[in-house]
PDB file of all heavy atoms in Angstrom:
ATOM      1  N   ARG A   1     -37.928   2.466 -23.254  1.00  0.00           N
ATOM      2  CA  ARG A   1     -38.999   2.665 -22.223  1.00  0.00           C
ATOM      3  C   ARG A   1     -40.310   1.938 -22.694  1.00  0.00           C
ATOM      4  O   ARG A   1     -41.003   1.444 -21.937  1.00  0.00           O
ATOM      5  CB  ARG A   1     -39.328   4.128 -22.038  1.00  0.00           C
ATOM      6  CG  ARG A   1     -40.319   4.459 -21.031  1.00  0.00           C
ATOM      7  CD  ARG A   1     -40.664   5.915 -21.092  1.00  0.00           C
ATOM      8  NE  ARG A   1     -41.402   6.289 -22.274  1.00  0.00           N
ATOM      9  CZ  ARG A   1     -41.867   7.547 -22.509  1.00  0.00           C
ATOM     10  NH1 ARG A   1     -41.667   8.485 -21.667  1.00  0.00           N
ATOM     11  NH2 ARG A   1     -42.619   7.758 -23.586  1.00  0.00           N
ATOM     12  N   SER A   2     -40.454   1.980 -24.061  1.00  0.00           N
ATOM     13  CA  SER A   2     -41.620   1.272 -24.576  1.00  0.00           C
ATOM     14  C   SER A   2     -41.254  -0.032 -25.251  1.00  0.00           C
ATOM     15  O   SER A   2     -40.115  -0.381 -25.476  1.00  0.00           O
ATOM     16  CB  SER A   2     -42.221   2.218 -25.735  1.00  0.00           C
ATOM     17  OG  SER A   2     -42.472   3.516 -25.313  1.00  0.00           O
ATOM     18  N   LYS A   3     -42.194  -0.807 -25.570  1.00  0.00           N
ATOM     19  CA  LYS A   3     -42.051  -2.057 -26.337  1.00  0.00           C
ATOM     20  C   LYS A   3     -41.418  -1.980 -27.657  1.00  0.00           C
ATOM     21  O   LYS A   3     -41.509  -0.788 -28.285  1.00  0.00           O
ATOM     22  CB  LYS A   3     -43.430  -2.772 -26.463  1.00  0.00           C
ATOM     23  CG  LYS A   3     -44.188  -3.158 -25.117  1.00  0.00           C
ATOM     24  CD  LYS A   3     -45.521  -3.685 -25.554  1.00  0.00           C
ATOM     25  CE  LYS A   3     -46.315  -3.912 -24.271  1.00  0.00           C
ATOM     26  NZ  LYS A   3     -47.789  -4.263 -24.579  1.00  0.00           N
ATOM     27  N   GLU A   4     -40.824  -2.902 -28.141  1.00  0.00           N
ATOM     28  CA  GLU A   4     -40.140  -2.819 -29.517  1.00  0.00           C
ATOM     29  C   GLU A   4     -41.221  -2.588 -30.561  1.00  0.00           C
ATOM     30  O   GLU A   4     -42.160  -3.154 -30.649  1.00  0.00           O
ATOM     31  CB  GLU A   4     -39.495  -4.188 -29.716  1.00  0.00           C
ATOM     32  CG  GLU A   4     -38.628  -4.061 -31.023  1.00  0.00           C
ATOM     33  CD  GLU A   4     -37.820  -5.354 -31.246  1.00  0.00           C
ATOM     34  OE1 GLU A   4     -37.709  -6.258 -30.419  1.00  0.00           O
ATOM     35  OE2 GLU A   4     -37.345  -5.619 -32.439  1.00  0.00           O
ATOM     36  N   GLY A   5     -40.852  -1.438 -31.317  1.00  0.00           N
ATOM     37  CA  GLY A   5     -41.758  -1.166 -32.405  1.00  0.00           C
ATOM     38  C   GLY A   5     -43.070  -0.373 -32.021  1.00  0.00           C
ATOM     39  O   GLY A   5     -43.883  -0.154 -32.690  1.00  0.00           O
ATOM     40  N   LYS A   6     -42.942   0.205 -30.796  1.00  0.00           N
ATOM     41  CA  LYS A   6     -43.998   1.058 -30.175  1.00  0.00           C
ATOM     42  C   LYS A   6     -43.448   2.209 -29.516  1.00  0.00           C
ATOM     43  O   LYS A   6     -42.373   2.324 -28.960  1.00  0.00           O
ATOM     44  CB  LYS A   6     -44.758   0.244 -29.192  1.00  0.00           C
ATOM     45  CG  LYS A   6     -45.459  -1.125 -29.628  1.00  0.00           C
ATOM     46  CD  LYS A   6     -46.854  -0.899 -30.346  1.00  0.00           C
ATOM     47  CE  LYS A   6     -47.479  -2.189 -30.623  1.00  0.00           C
ATOM     48  NZ  LYS A   6     -48.756  -1.888 -31.292  1.00  0.00           N
ATOM     49  N   ILE A   7     -44.307   3.352 -29.581  1.00  0.00           N
ATOM     50  CA  ILE A   7     -44.040   4.377 -28.611  1.00  0.00           C
ATOM     51  C   ILE A   7     -45.227   4.539 -27.791  1.00  0.00           C
ATOM     52  O   ILE A   7     -46.476   4.234 -28.093  1.00  0.00           O
ATOM     53  CB  ILE A   7     -43.879   5.750 -29.279  1.00  0.00           C
ATOM     54  CG1 ILE A   7     -45.083   6.188 -30.086  1.00  0.00           C
ATOM     55  CG2 ILE A   7     -42.683   5.721 -30.255  1.00  0.00           C
ATOM     56  CD1 ILE A   7     -45.165   7.595 -30.481  1.00  0.00           C
ATOM     57  N   SER A   8     -45.063   4.705 -26.492  1.00  0.00           N
ATOM     58  CA  SER A   8     -46.098   4.865 -25.513  1.00  0.00           C
ATOM     59  C   SER A   8     -45.957   5.916 -24.512  1.00  0.00           C
ATOM     60  O   SER A   8     -44.873   6.158 -23.963  1.00  0.00           O
ATOM     61  CB  SER A   8     -46.225   3.478 -24.737  1.00  0.00           C
ATOM     62  OG  SER A   8     -45.046   3.114 -24.040  1.00  0.00           O
ATOM     63  N   SER A   9     -46.973   6.611 -24.141  1.00  0.00           N
ATOM     64  CA  SER A   9     -46.965   7.674 -23.315  1.00  0.00           C
ATOM     65  C   SER A   9     -47.333   7.267 -21.915  1.00  0.00           C
ATOM     66  O   SER A   9     -47.930   6.088 -21.620  1.00  0.00           O
ATOM     67  CB  SER A   9     -47.916   8.728 -23.644  1.00  0.00           C
ATOM     68  OG  SER A   9     -49.310   8.380 -23.430  1.00  0.00           O
ATOM     69  N   ARG A  10     -46.998   7.972 -20.811  1.00  0.00           N
ATOM     70  CA  ARG A  10     -47.325   7.697 -19.551  1.00  0.00           C
ATOM     71  C   ARG A  10     -48.839   7.703 -19.159  1.00  0.00           C
ATOM     72  O   ARG A  10     -49.202   7.123 -18.261  1.00  0.00           O
ATOM     73  CB  ARG A  10     -46.613   8.532 -18.454  1.00  0.00           C
ATOM     74  CG  ARG A  10     -45.103   8.407 -18.542  1.00  0.00           C
ATOM     75  CD  ARG A  10     -44.344   9.380 -17.627  1.00  0.00           C
ATOM     76  NE  ARG A  10     -43.037   9.091 -17.438  1.00  0.00           N
ATOM     77  CZ  ARG A  10     -42.080   9.508 -18.381  1.00  0.00           C
ATOM     78  NH1 ARG A  10     -42.465  10.240 -19.407  1.00  0.00           N
ATOM     79  NH2 ARG A  10     -40.805   9.261 -18.158  1.00  0.00           N
ATOM     80  N   ILE A  11     -49.645   8.311 -20.060  1.00  0.00           N
ATOM     81  CA  ILE A  11     -51.044   8.281 -19.850  1.00  0.00           C
ATOM     82  C   ILE A  11     -51.729   7.221 -20.645  1.00  0.00           C
ATOM     83  O   ILE A  11     -53.054   7.150 -20.624  1.00  0.00           O
ATOM     84  CB  ILE A  11     -51.751   9.695 -20.154  1.00  0.00           C
ATOM     85  CG1 ILE A  11     -51.517  10.004 -21.644  1.00  0.00           C
ATOM     86  CG2 ILE A  11     -51.060  10.844 -19.249  1.00  0.00           C
ATOM     87  CD1 ILE A  11     -52.273  11.212 -22.133  1.00  0.00           C
ATOM     88  N   GLY A  12     -50.956   6.341 -21.308  1.00  0.00           N
ATOM     89  CA  GLY A  12     -51.538   5.145 -22.004  1.00  0.00           C
ATOM     90  C   GLY A  12     -51.726   5.280 -23.482  1.00  0.00           C
ATOM     91  O   GLY A  12     -52.142   4.177 -23.977  1.00  0.00           O
ATOM     92  N   LEU A  13     -51.433   6.349 -24.054  1.00  0.00           N
ATOM     93  CA  LEU A  13     -51.488   6.359 -25.474  1.00  0.00           C
ATOM     94  C   LEU A  13     -50.387   5.636 -26.146  1.00  0.00           C
ATOM     95  O   LEU A  13     -49.131   5.765 -25.644  1.00  0.00           O
ATOM     96  CB  LEU A  13     -51.442   7.936 -25.995  1.00  0.00           C
ATOM     97  CG  LEU A  13     -52.646   8.674 -25.673  1.00  0.00           C
ATOM     98  CD1 LEU A  13     -52.490  10.258 -26.155  1.00  0.00           C
ATOM     99  CD2 LEU A  13     -53.990   8.182 -25.986  1.00  0.00           C
ATOM    100  N   GLU A  14     -50.556   4.894 -27.255  1.00  0.00           N
ATOM    101  CA  GLU A  14     -49.558   4.017 -27.842  1.00  0.00           C
ATOM    102  C   GLU A  14     -49.831   4.049 -29.307  1.00  0.00           C
ATOM    103  O   GLU A  14     -50.847   4.094 -29.885  1.00  0.00           O
ATOM    104  CB  GLU A  14     -49.603   2.587 -27.241  1.00  0.00           C
ATOM    105  CG  GLU A  14     -48.685   1.673 -27.650  1.00  0.00           C
ATOM    106  CD  GLU A  14     -48.709   0.338 -27.103  1.00  0.00           C
ATOM    107  OE1 GLU A  14     -49.518  -0.467 -27.571  1.00  0.00           O
ATOM    108  OE2 GLU A  14     -47.963   0.076 -26.035  1.00  0.00           O
ATOM    109  N   ARG A  15     -48.631   3.937 -30.080  1.00  0.00           N
ATOM    110  CA  ARG A  15     -48.704   3.887 -31.480  1.00  0.00           C
ATOM    111  C   ARG A  15     -47.536   2.916 -32.034  1.00  0.00           C
ATOM    112  O   ARG A  15     -46.571   2.884 -31.468  1.00  0.00           O
ATOM    113  CB  ARG A  15     -48.539   5.273 -32.136  1.00  0.00           C
ATOM    114  CG  ARG A  15     -49.620   6.053 -31.959  1.00  0.00           C
ATOM    115  CD  ARG A  15     -49.499   7.230 -33.059  1.00  0.00           C
ATOM    116  NE  ARG A  15     -49.625   6.866 -34.399  1.00  0.00           N
ATOM    117  CZ  ARG A  15     -50.757   7.005 -35.113  1.00  0.00           C
ATOM    118  NH1 ARG A  15     -51.868   7.457 -34.578  1.00  0.00           N
ATOM    119  NH2 ARG A  15     -50.666   6.643 -36.317  1.00  0.00           N
ATOM    120  N   ASP A  16     -47.789   2.442 -33.171  1.00  0.00           N
ATOM    121  CA  ASP A  16     -46.664   1.586 -33.767  1.00  0.00           C
ATOM    122  C   ASP A  16     -45.774   2.544 -34.369  1.00  0.00           C
ATOM    123  O   ASP A  16     -46.076   3.808 -34.706  1.00  0.00           O
ATOM    124  CB  ASP A  16     -47.225   0.776 -34.980  1.00  0.00           C
ATOM    125  CG  ASP A  16     -48.094  -0.427 -34.510  1.00  0.00           C
ATOM    126  OD1 ASP A  16     -47.983  -0.687 -33.306  1.00  0.00           O
ATOM    127  OD2 ASP A  16     -48.941  -0.768 -35.279  1.00  0.00           O
ATOM    128  N   CYS A  17     -44.390   2.191 -34.494  1.00  0.00           N
ATOM    129  CA  CYS A  17     -43.375   3.064 -34.944  1.00  0.00           C
ATOM    130  C   CYS A  17     -42.311   2.224 -35.647  1.00  0.00           C
ATOM    131  O   CYS A  17     -42.215   1.028 -35.400  1.00  0.00           O
ATOM    132  CB  CYS A  17     -42.788   3.968 -33.838  1.00  0.00           C
ATOM    133  SG  CYS A  17     -41.775   3.063 -32.744  1.00  0.00           S
ATOM    134  N   ILE A  18     -41.488   2.982 -36.357  1.00  0.00           N
ATOM    135  CA  ILE A  18     -40.251   2.339 -36.927  1.00  0.00           C
ATOM    136  C   ILE A  18     -39.104   2.682 -35.967  1.00  0.00           C
ATOM    137  O   ILE A  18     -39.020   3.804 -35.466  1.00  0.00           O
ATOM    138  CB  ILE A  18     -39.910   2.939 -38.257  1.00  0.00           C
ATOM    139  CG1 ILE A  18     -40.997   2.395 -39.342  1.00  0.00           C
ATOM    140  CG2 ILE A  18     -38.500   2.636 -38.839  1.00  0.00           C
ATOM    141  CD1 ILE A  18     -40.755   3.000 -40.668  1.00  0.00           C
ATOM    142  N   GLU A  19     -38.320   1.644 -35.693  1.00  0.00           N
ATOM    143  CA  GLU A  19     -37.205   1.991 -34.725  1.00  0.00           C
ATOM    144  C   GLU A  19     -35.961   2.385 -35.587  1.00  0.00           C
ATOM    145  O   GLU A  19     -35.618   1.809 -36.594  1.00  0.00           O
ATOM    146  CB  GLU A  19     -36.847   0.733 -33.885  1.00  0.00           C
ATOM    147  CG  GLU A  19     -37.987   0.421 -32.898  1.00  0.00           C
ATOM    148  CD  GLU A  19     -37.444  -0.235 -31.838  1.00  0.00           C
ATOM    149  OE1 GLU A  19     -36.247  -0.494 -31.598  1.00  0.00           O
ATOM    150  OE2 GLU A  19     -38.281  -0.566 -30.910  1.00  0.00           O
ATOM    151  N   LEU A  20     -35.334   3.355 -35.153  1.00  0.00           N
ATOM    152  CA  LEU A  20     -34.090   3.903 -35.784  1.00  0.00           C
ATOM    153  C   LEU A  20     -32.881   3.482 -35.149  1.00  0.00           C
ATOM    154  O   LEU A  20     -32.574   3.948 -34.008  1.00  0.00           O
ATOM    155  CB  LEU A  20     -34.316   5.408 -35.913  1.00  0.00           C
ATOM    156  CG  LEU A  20     -33.190   6.193 -36.843  1.00  0.00           C
ATOM    157  CD1 LEU A  20     -33.334   5.944 -38.324  1.00  0.00           C
ATOM    158  CD2 LEU A  20     -33.284   7.681 -36.617  1.00  0.00           C
ATOM    159  N   GLY A  21     -31.938   2.724 -35.804  1.00  0.00           N
ATOM    160  CA  GLY A  21     -30.704   2.340 -35.163  1.00  0.00           C
ATOM    161  C   GLY A  21     -29.712   3.364 -35.286  1.00  0.00           C
ATOM    162  O   GLY A  21     -29.703   4.255 -36.099  1.00  0.00           O
ATOM    163  N   LYS A  22     -28.568   3.208 -34.591  1.00  0.00           N
ATOM    164  CA  LYS A  22     -27.554   4.169 -34.474  1.00  0.00           C
ATOM    165  C   LYS A  22     -26.997   4.359 -35.919  1.00  0.00           C
ATOM    166  O   LYS A  22     -26.634   5.616 -36.097  1.00  0.00           O
ATOM    167  CB  LYS A  22     -26.471   3.579 -33.530  1.00  0.00           C
ATOM    168  CG  LYS A  22     -25.340   4.520 -33.343  1.00  0.00           C
ATOM    169  CD  LYS A  22     -24.318   4.019 -32.312  1.00  0.00           C
ATOM    170  CE  LYS A  22     -23.063   4.815 -32.189  1.00  0.00           C
ATOM    171  NZ  LYS A  22     -22.221   4.376 -31.214  1.00  0.00           N
ATOM    172  N   ASP A  23     -26.798   3.343 -36.733  1.00  0.00           N
ATOM    173  CA  ASP A  23     -26.287   3.629 -38.043  1.00  0.00           C
ATOM    174  C   ASP A  23     -27.299   3.648 -39.191  1.00  0.00           C
ATOM    175  O   ASP A  23     -26.837   3.781 -40.350  1.00  0.00           O
ATOM    176  CB  ASP A  23     -25.184   2.418 -38.295  1.00  0.00           C
ATOM    177  CG  ASP A  23     -24.141   2.354 -37.314  1.00  0.00           C
ATOM    178  OD1 ASP A  23     -23.720   3.429 -36.974  1.00  0.00           O
ATOM    179  OD2 ASP A  23     -23.736   1.217 -36.864  1.00  0.00           O
ATOM    180  N   ASP A  24     -28.567   3.627 -38.866  1.00  0.00           N
ATOM    181  CA  ASP A  24     -29.561   3.700 -39.843  1.00  0.00           C
ATOM    182  C   ASP A  24     -29.682   5.070 -40.497  1.00  0.00           C
ATOM    183  O   ASP A  24     -29.342   6.141 -39.844  1.00  0.00           O
ATOM    184  CB  ASP A  24     -30.913   3.343 -39.337  1.00  0.00           C
ATOM    185  CG  ASP A  24     -31.044   1.884 -38.953  1.00  0.00           C
ATOM    186  OD1 ASP A  24     -30.244   1.103 -39.498  1.00  0.00           O
ATOM    187  OD2 ASP A  24     -32.053   1.550 -38.240  1.00  0.00           O
ATOM    188  N   ASN A  25     -30.045   5.160 -41.784  1.00  0.00           N
ATOM    189  CA  ASN A  25     -30.243   6.373 -42.497  1.00  0.00           C
ATOM    190  C   ASN A  25     -31.575   6.801 -42.487  1.00  0.00           C
ATOM    191  O   ASN A  25     -32.371   6.095 -43.124  1.00  0.00           O
ATOM    192  CB  ASN A  25     -29.742   6.158 -43.959  1.00  0.00           C
ATOM    193  CG  ASN A  25     -29.599   7.541 -44.706  1.00  0.00           C
ATOM    194  OD1 ASN A  25     -30.557   8.335 -44.771  1.00  0.00           O
ATOM    195  ND2 ASN A  25     -28.373   7.909 -45.311  1.00  0.00           N
ATOM    196  N   LEU A  26     -31.943   7.743 -41.809  1.00  0.00           N
ATOM    197  CA  LEU A  26     -33.333   8.234 -41.739  1.00  0.00           C
ATOM    198  C   LEU A  26     -33.860   8.633 -42.955  1.00  0.00           C
ATOM    199  O   LEU A  26     -35.023   8.309 -43.307  1.00  0.00           O
ATOM    200  CB  LEU A  26     -33.441   9.320 -40.571  1.00  0.00           C
ATOM    201  CG  LEU A  26     -34.884   9.767 -40.130  1.00  0.00           C
ATOM    202  CD1 LEU A  26     -34.759  10.203 -38.679  1.00  0.00           C
ATOM    203  CD2 LEU A  26     -35.371  10.777 -40.926  1.00  0.00           C
ATOM    204  N   TYR A  27     -33.290   9.257 -43.772  1.00  0.00           N
ATOM    205  CA  TYR A  27     -33.604   9.815 -45.131  1.00  0.00           C
ATOM    206  C   TYR A  27     -33.993   8.656 -45.981  1.00  0.00           C
ATOM    207  O   TYR A  27     -35.033   8.747 -46.603  1.00  0.00           O
ATOM    208  CB  TYR A  27     -32.517  10.687 -45.757  1.00  0.00           C
ATOM    209  CG  TYR A  27     -32.755  11.000 -47.040  1.00  0.00           C
ATOM    210  CD1 TYR A  27     -33.607  12.193 -47.441  1.00  0.00           C
ATOM    211  CD2 TYR A  27     -32.338  10.418 -48.216  1.00  0.00           C
ATOM    212  CE1 TYR A  27     -33.911  12.564 -48.631  1.00  0.00           C
ATOM    213  CE2 TYR A  27     -32.538  10.711 -49.544  1.00  0.00           C
ATOM    214  CZ  TYR A  27     -33.260  11.918 -49.733  1.00  0.00           C
ATOM    215  OH  TYR A  27     -33.691  12.196 -50.979  1.00  0.00           O
ATOM    216  N   GLU A  28     -33.180   7.608 -45.981  1.00  0.00           N
ATOM    217  CA  GLU A  28     -33.450   6.497 -46.751  1.00  0.00           C
ATOM    218  C   GLU A  28     -34.724   5.716 -46.244  1.00  0.00           C
ATOM    219  O   GLU A  28     -35.475   5.125 -47.172  1.00  0.00           O
ATOM    220  CB  GLU A  28     -32.224   5.551 -46.871  1.00  0.00           C
ATOM    221  CG  GLU A  28     -31.116   6.035 -47.596  1.00  0.00           C
ATOM    222  CD  GLU A  28     -31.392   6.426 -49.039  1.00  0.00           C
ATOM    223  OE1 GLU A  28     -32.229   5.755 -49.697  1.00  0.00           O
ATOM    224  OE2 GLU A  28     -30.766   7.257 -49.619  1.00  0.00           O
ATOM    225  N   ILE A  29     -34.946   5.594 -44.940  1.00  0.00           N
ATOM    226  CA  ILE A  29     -36.075   4.915 -44.427  1.00  0.00           C
ATOM    227  C   ILE A  29     -37.320   5.725 -44.814  1.00  0.00           C
ATOM    228  O   ILE A  29     -38.224   5.073 -45.290  1.00  0.00           O
ATOM    229  CB  ILE A  29     -35.977   4.889 -42.848  1.00  0.00           C
ATOM    230  CG1 ILE A  29     -34.897   3.858 -42.521  1.00  0.00           C
ATOM    231  CG2 ILE A  29     -37.288   4.476 -42.349  1.00  0.00           C
ATOM    232  CD1 ILE A  29     -34.566   3.877 -41.059  1.00  0.00           C
ATOM    233  N   VAL A  30     -37.288   6.896 -44.831  1.00  0.00           N
ATOM    234  CA  VAL A  30     -38.446   7.705 -45.176  1.00  0.00           C
ATOM    235  C   VAL A  30     -38.712   7.658 -46.681  1.00  0.00           C
ATOM    236  O   VAL A  30     -39.832   7.476 -47.121  1.00  0.00           O
ATOM    237  CB  VAL A  30     -38.421   9.187 -44.762  1.00  0.00           C
ATOM    238  CG1 VAL A  30     -39.468   9.930 -45.232  1.00  0.00           C
ATOM    239  CG2 VAL A  30     -38.258   9.385 -43.308  1.00  0.00           C
ATOM    240  N   LYS A  31     -37.682   7.640 -47.541  1.00  0.00           N
ATOM    241  CA  LYS A  31     -37.780   7.640 -48.881  1.00  0.00           C
ATOM    242  C   LYS A  31     -38.383   6.292 -49.394  1.00  0.00           C
ATOM    243  O   LYS A  31     -38.967   6.286 -50.432  1.00  0.00           O
ATOM    244  CB  LYS A  31     -36.394   7.928 -49.479  1.00  0.00           C
ATOM    245  CG  LYS A  31     -36.341   8.114 -50.993  1.00  0.00           C
ATOM    246  CD  LYS A  31     -35.004   8.433 -51.436  1.00  0.00           C
ATOM    247  CE  LYS A  31     -34.824   8.546 -53.008  1.00  0.00           C
ATOM    248  NZ  LYS A  31     -33.488   8.782 -53.428  1.00  0.00           N
ATOM    249  N   LEU A  32     -38.069   5.149 -48.677  1.00  0.00           N
ATOM    250  CA  LEU A  32     -38.538   3.954 -49.140  1.00  0.00           C
ATOM    251  C   LEU A  32     -40.080   3.613 -48.929  1.00  0.00           C
ATOM    252  O   LEU A  32     -40.633   2.715 -49.306  1.00  0.00           O
ATOM    253  CB  LEU A  32     -37.792   2.776 -48.377  1.00  0.00           C
ATOM    254  CG  LEU A  32     -36.300   2.587 -48.911  1.00  0.00           C
ATOM    255  CD1 LEU A  32     -35.548   1.780 -48.069  1.00  0.00           C
ATOM    256  CD2 LEU A  32     -36.257   2.195 -50.370  1.00  0.00           C
ATOM    257  N   GLN A  33     -40.711   4.581 -48.081  1.00  0.00           N
ATOM    258  CA  GLN A  33     -42.053   4.437 -47.687  1.00  0.00           C
ATOM    259  C   GLN A  33     -42.969   4.651 -48.906  1.00  0.00           C
ATOM    260  O   GLN A  33     -42.589   5.586 -49.766  1.00  0.00           O
ATOM    261  CB  GLN A  33     -42.522   5.262 -46.558  1.00  0.00           C
ATOM    262  CG  GLN A  33     -41.651   5.117 -45.270  1.00  0.00           C
ATOM    263  CD  GLN A  33     -41.567   3.734 -44.788  1.00  0.00           C
ATOM    264  OE1 GLN A  33     -42.624   3.075 -44.641  1.00  0.00           O
ATOM    265  NE2 GLN A  33     -40.396   3.245 -44.595  1.00  0.00           N
ATOM    266  N   ASN A  34     -44.125   3.984 -49.075  1.00  0.00           N
ATOM    267  CA  ASN A  34     -44.917   4.282 -50.258  1.00  0.00           C
ATOM    268  C   ASN A  34     -45.469   5.732 -50.260  1.00  0.00           C
ATOM    269  O   ASN A  34     -45.409   6.450 -51.245  1.00  0.00           O
ATOM    270  CB  ASN A  34     -46.198   3.361 -50.114  1.00  0.00           C
ATOM    271  CG  ASN A  34     -45.885   1.891 -50.428  1.00  0.00           C
ATOM    272  OD1 ASN A  34     -44.958   1.685 -51.236  1.00  0.00           O
ATOM    273  ND2 ASN A  34     -46.518   0.991 -49.807  1.00  0.00           N
ATOM    274  N   LYS A  35     -45.874   6.272 -49.092  1.00  0.00           N
ATOM    275  CA  LYS A  35     -46.353   7.580 -48.894  1.00  0.00           C
ATOM    276  C   LYS A  35     -46.143   8.071 -47.578  1.00  0.00           C
ATOM    277  O   LYS A  35     -46.617   7.424 -46.613  1.00  0.00           O
ATOM    278  CB  LYS A  35     -47.824   7.765 -49.434  1.00  0.00           C
ATOM    279  CG  LYS A  35     -48.292   9.305 -49.362  1.00  0.00           C
ATOM    280  CD  LYS A  35     -49.721   9.217 -50.191  1.00  0.00           C
ATOM    281  CE  LYS A  35     -50.365  10.661 -49.767  1.00  0.00           C
ATOM    282  NZ  LYS A  35     -49.544  11.764 -50.219  1.00  0.00           N
TER     283      LYS A  35
END
């Protein structure tokens, strides 16, 4: 629904995001972030 790497609401609010693939490990993605 939103652009790649973005979340956007119907009222116009938008933020950058990480896209999570079907086989991606969410725990490892979070763990690799600096903070």
